[in-house]
Amino acid sequence: MSVSTHVLDTARGHPAASLAVTLSRRGMEGAWGEVGHALTDSDGRIKELPGGELSAGVYRLDFDTARYFEDLGISGFYPVVSVVFTLWNAGEHVHVPLLLSPFGYSTYKGT
């Protein structure tokens, strides 16, 4: 299993480049452990988050929106956007896009 993402800054009409993203997995006791992290490329994409082959389970993507907007000189409302999702099947690839603005966001299961 692998996870990718694509972040679009809808307020600016551009990909969100250099946005830090962390992938974590929820353990048996409910605690989160980091699996990997990366920065979006110039097109706002991370083609595959580091972490190797992922097993089935509950995962979380944390998007460091505070730093992203701060670097642009913008005050955003959400300092972190966290998206929690489930990987069900071995070998599955999950794409989690994020549409972002300083005062709102949306996400969906992509392909």
Protein backbone atom coordinates (compact mmCIF):
# COMPACT_ATOMS: atom_id res chain seq x y z
CA MET A 1 0.00 0.00 0.00
CA SER A 2 1.12 3.53 -0.65
CA VAL A 3 -0.23 7.02 -0.12
CA SER A 4 0.03 10.06 -2.39
CA THR A 5 -1.38 13.57 -2.17
CA HIS A 6 -1.91 16.67 -4.26
CA VAL A 7 -2.52 20.06 -2.61
CA LEU A 8 -4.08 22.93 -4.51
CA ASP A 9 -4.19 26.43 -3.06
CA THR A 10 -7.64 27.43 -4.29
CA ALA A 11 -7.34 31.01 -3.00
CA ARG A 12 -4.31 31.64 -5.19
CA GLY A 13 -5.20 29.28 -8.03
CA HIS A 14 -1.84 27.48 -7.76
CA PRO A 15 -0.43 24.19 -6.52
CA ALA A 16 0.71 24.41 -2.90
CA ALA A 17 4.46 23.89 -3.32
CA SER A 18 6.81 23.16 -0.40
CA LEU A 19 4.02 22.26 2.02
CA ALA A 20 5.19 19.81 4.72
CA VAL A 21 3.10 16.65 5.06
CA THR A 22 3.48 13.95 7.72
CA LEU A 23 2.00 10.45 7.48
CA SER A 24 1.22 8.70 10.79
CA ARG A 25 -0.38 5.37 11.72
CA ARG A 26 -2.66 4.72 14.67
CA GLY A 27 -1.35 1.92 16.87
CA MET A 28 -3.24 -0.67 18.87
CA GLU A 29 -3.45 1.57 21.94
CA GLY A 30 -4.68 4.54 19.87
CA ALA A 31 -1.38 6.43 19.88
CA TRP A 32 -0.13 7.86 16.58
CA GLY A 33 3.34 7.00 15.27
CA GLU A 34 5.03 8.81 12.39
CA VAL A 35 5.56 6.70 9.29
CA GLY A 36 7.15 9.33 7.05
CA HIS A 37 7.12 12.93 5.91
CA ALA A 38 7.85 14.94 2.78
CA LEU A 39 7.37 18.30 1.08
CA THR A 40 5.05 18.81 -1.86
CA ASP A 41 6.86 19.42 -5.14
CA SER A 42 6.42 22.45 -7.43
CA ASP A 43 3.14 20.94 -8.68
CA GLY A 44 1.82 20.49 -5.11
CA ARG A 45 2.28 16.73 -5.26
CA ILE A 46 3.86 13.98 -3.23
CA LYS A 47 3.79 10.95 -5.50
CA GLU A 48 4.47 8.53 -2.66
CA LEU A 49 4.94 9.40 0.98
CA PRO A 50 7.98 7.71 2.54
CA GLY A 51 7.28 4.78 4.80
CA GLY A 52 7.74 1.72 2.67
CA GLU A 53 5.01 -0.83 2.12
CA LEU A 54 2.10 0.06 4.40
CA SER A 55 -0.12 -2.49 6.09
CA ALA A 56 -3.87 -2.19 6.55
CA GLY A 57 -4.86 0.23 9.29
CA VAL A 58 -5.90 3.76 10.19
CA TYR A 59 -3.61 6.54 8.98
CA ARG A 60 -3.44 10.31 9.28
CA LEU A 61 -2.00 12.97 6.99
CA ASP A 62 -1.01 16.19 8.75
CA PHE A 63 -0.55 19.17 6.45
CA ASP A 64 1.53 22.00 8.00
CA THR A 65 -0.64 24.81 6.71
CA ALA A 66 0.59 27.35 9.30
CA ARG A 67 4.11 27.33 7.89
CA TYR A 68 2.87 27.25 4.30
CA PHE A 69 0.70 30.36 4.73
CA GLU A 70 3.28 32.07 6.95
CA ASP A 71 5.87 31.69 4.16
CA LEU A 72 3.38 33.47 1.87
CA GLY A 73 2.78 36.26 4.39
CA ILE A 74 -0.81 35.15 4.94
CA SER A 75 -2.59 34.48 8.23
CA GLY A 76 -4.54 31.25 7.94
CA PHE A 77 -7.23 29.97 10.31
CA TYR A 78 -6.19 26.29 10.39
CA PRO A 79 -2.56 25.78 11.52
CA VAL A 80 -2.74 22.06 10.68
CA VAL A 81 -5.11 20.13 8.48
CA SER A 82 -5.40 16.50 9.60
CA VAL A 83 -7.06 13.92 7.39
CA VAL A 84 -7.70 10.50 8.96
CA PHE A 85 -8.47 7.56 6.67
CA THR A 86 -8.40 3.76 6.53
CA LEU A 87 -6.26 1.58 4.27
CA TRP A 88 -8.19 -1.65 3.79
CA ASN A 89 -6.41 -3.84 1.23
CA ALA A 90 -2.84 -5.02 0.78
CA GLY A 91 -1.26 -3.47 -2.30
CA GLU A 92 -3.81 -0.65 -2.40
CA HIS A 93 -2.73 2.83 -3.47
CA VAL A 94 -4.64 5.70 -1.85
CA HIS A 95 -4.58 9.24 -3.20
CA VAL A 96 -5.75 11.97 -0.78
CA PRO A 97 -6.07 15.38 -2.47
CA LEU A 98 -6.46 18.58 -0.44
CA LEU A 99 -8.10 21.77 -1.69
CA LEU A 100 -6.82 24.53 0.55
CA SER A 101 -7.48 28.20 1.31
CA PRO A 102 -6.58 30.31 4.37
CA PHE A 103 -10.06 29.85 5.86
CA GLY A 104 -11.25 26.49 4.61
CA TYR A 105 -10.32 23.17 3.06
CA SER A 106 -11.85 20.06 1.56
CA THR A 107 -10.60 16.62 0.74
CA TYR A 108 -11.81 13.44 -0.92
CA LYS A 109 -10.60 9.96 -1.86
CA GLY A 110 -8.88 10.35 -5.19
CA THR A 111 -7.59 7.80 -7.65
